[in-house]
Amino acid sequence: MDSISQKFPYLVKKKLKEGEEVRRVAQLDWRIIESDLQKPFTASGLQFVPLPVIHGEDYICLGFLFGRKSKVAYISDVSRFPPSTEDAISKSGGGQLDLLILDCLYR
């Protein structure tokens, strides 16, 4: 978190000094994802399931599966899916997604 706050200080809450004016700038509510990449977590009252995907040849990125009534998978910048991620998606919502948001390159 220290490196994030140094590079992007406007995204992290800061303590105001006495008399300092409040600026209304969007900030992120940071959540640390545990080392178990498939462990669900809750943010803003909604459960998210991290989906490990491969970016490039050997870099693991995360997509996310979420939704209460409708199941949505958001997967950005992906080259391929590991079998565990395919399984997690196929088992969600009775085996069907309502919406898949996918960002990838086509060869």
Protein backbone atom coordinates (compact mmCIF):
# COMPACT_ATOMS: atom_id res chain seq x y z
CA MET A 1 0.00 0.00 0.00
CA ASP A 2 2.87 2.38 0.66
CA SER A 3 4.04 2.19 -2.94
CA ILE A 4 0.48 2.83 -4.19
CA SER A 5 0.04 5.85 -1.94
CA GLN A 6 3.39 7.27 -3.07
CA LYS A 7 2.63 6.86 -6.78
CA PHE A 8 -1.08 7.73 -6.64
CA PRO A 9 -1.59 9.90 -3.54
CA TYR A 10 -4.90 11.24 -4.86
CA LEU A 11 -6.41 7.74 -4.62
CA VAL A 12 -5.66 7.29 -0.92
CA LYS A 13 -7.41 9.03 1.97
CA LYS A 14 -5.20 11.49 3.72
CA LYS A 15 -5.50 13.18 7.07
CA LEU A 16 -6.31 16.85 6.70
CA LYS A 17 -4.25 19.41 8.52
CA GLU A 18 -6.13 21.91 10.60
CA GLY A 19 -7.66 24.56 8.34
CA GLU A 20 -6.92 22.57 5.16
CA GLU A 21 -9.68 22.64 2.57
CA VAL A 22 -11.47 19.41 1.73
CA ARG A 23 -11.19 18.46 -1.96
CA ARG A 24 -13.91 16.21 -3.30
CA VAL A 25 -11.88 13.78 -5.37
CA ALA A 26 -12.85 10.16 -5.95
CA GLN A 27 -10.90 7.75 -3.80
CA LEU A 28 -10.67 3.99 -3.74
CA ASP A 29 -11.63 1.85 -0.78
CA TRP A 30 -8.63 -0.48 -0.93
CA ARG A 31 -9.11 -4.20 -0.21
CA ILE A 32 -6.18 -6.56 0.02
CA ILE A 33 -6.88 -9.87 -1.72
CA GLU A 34 -5.56 -12.78 0.30
CA SER A 35 -2.83 -15.05 -1.03
CA ASP A 36 -5.52 -17.65 -1.84
CA LEU A 37 -6.50 -16.13 -5.16
CA GLN A 38 -9.80 -17.99 -5.35
CA LYS A 39 -11.01 -16.95 -1.89
CA PRO A 40 -14.17 -14.80 -2.26
CA PHE A 41 -14.26 -11.38 -0.62
CA THR A 42 -16.94 -8.78 -0.01
CA ALA A 43 -16.73 -5.13 -1.06
CA SER A 44 -19.61 -2.66 -0.85
CA GLY A 45 -21.92 -5.48 0.20
CA LEU A 46 -21.28 -7.55 -2.92
CA GLN A 47 -19.35 -10.83 -3.00
CA PHE A 48 -16.53 -11.12 -5.53
CA VAL A 49 -14.73 -14.29 -6.57
CA PRO A 50 -11.23 -13.63 -7.97
CA LEU A 51 -10.54 -15.47 -11.22
CA PRO A 52 -6.84 -16.02 -11.95
CA VAL A 53 -6.12 -15.66 -15.69
CA ILE A 54 -2.92 -15.65 -17.72
CA HIS A 55 -1.73 -12.38 -19.24
CA GLY A 56 0.98 -12.80 -21.83
CA GLU A 57 2.99 -15.96 -21.38
CA ASP A 58 3.53 -16.19 -17.64
CA TYR A 59 1.88 -13.34 -15.73
CA ILE A 60 -1.17 -14.01 -13.55
CA CYS A 61 -3.86 -11.32 -13.50
CA LEU A 62 -7.28 -11.37 -11.90
CA GLY A 63 -10.73 -11.23 -13.36
CA PHE A 64 -13.78 -11.22 -11.10
CA LEU A 65 -17.05 -13.10 -10.84
CA PHE A 66 -19.86 -11.28 -9.04
CA GLY A 67 -23.59 -10.68 -8.86
CA ARG A 68 -26.55 -11.62 -6.70
CA LYS A 69 -29.43 -12.30 -9.09
CA SER A 70 -27.35 -12.16 -12.25
CA LYS A 71 -23.88 -13.63 -12.59
CA VAL A 72 -21.28 -11.39 -14.22
CA ALA A 73 -17.67 -12.22 -15.06
CA TYR A 74 -15.33 -9.30 -15.72
CA ILE A 75 -12.04 -10.48 -17.23
CA SER A 76 -9.63 -7.93 -18.62
CA ASP A 77 -6.37 -8.33 -20.50
CA VAL A 78 -6.32 -12.11 -20.75
CA SER A 79 -4.34 -14.46 -22.98
CA ARG A 80 -5.76 -17.72 -21.64
CA PHE A 81 -7.69 -19.30 -18.77
CA PRO A 82 -6.26 -21.88 -16.39
CA PRO A 83 -8.54 -24.94 -15.94
CA SER A 84 -9.40 -23.86 -12.37
CA THR A 85 -10.83 -20.57 -13.66
CA GLU A 86 -12.87 -22.32 -16.34
CA ASP A 87 -14.26 -24.60 -13.61
CA ALA A 88 -15.13 -21.67 -11.33
CA ILE A 89 -17.00 -19.90 -14.13
CA SER A 90 -18.86 -23.01 -15.26
CA LYS A 91 -19.97 -23.82 -11.68
CA SER A 92 -21.28 -20.32 -10.97
CA GLY A 93 -24.95 -19.48 -11.27
CA GLY A 94 -26.02 -22.99 -12.22
CA GLY A 95 -23.32 -23.12 -14.88
CA GLN A 96 -24.45 -20.04 -16.76
CA LEU A 97 -23.26 -16.45 -16.84
CA ASP A 98 -25.69 -13.65 -17.53
CA LEU A 99 -22.93 -11.36 -18.75
CA LEU A 100 -19.30 -11.92 -19.73
CA ILE A 101 -17.12 -8.84 -20.11
CA LEU A 102 -13.95 -9.99 -21.82
CA ASP A 103 -10.95 -7.96 -22.98
CA CYS A 104 -8.38 -9.89 -24.99
CA LEU A 105 -6.34 -9.78 -28.16
CA TYR A 106 -7.30 -11.88 -31.13
CA ARG A 107 -4.60 -13.59 -33.18
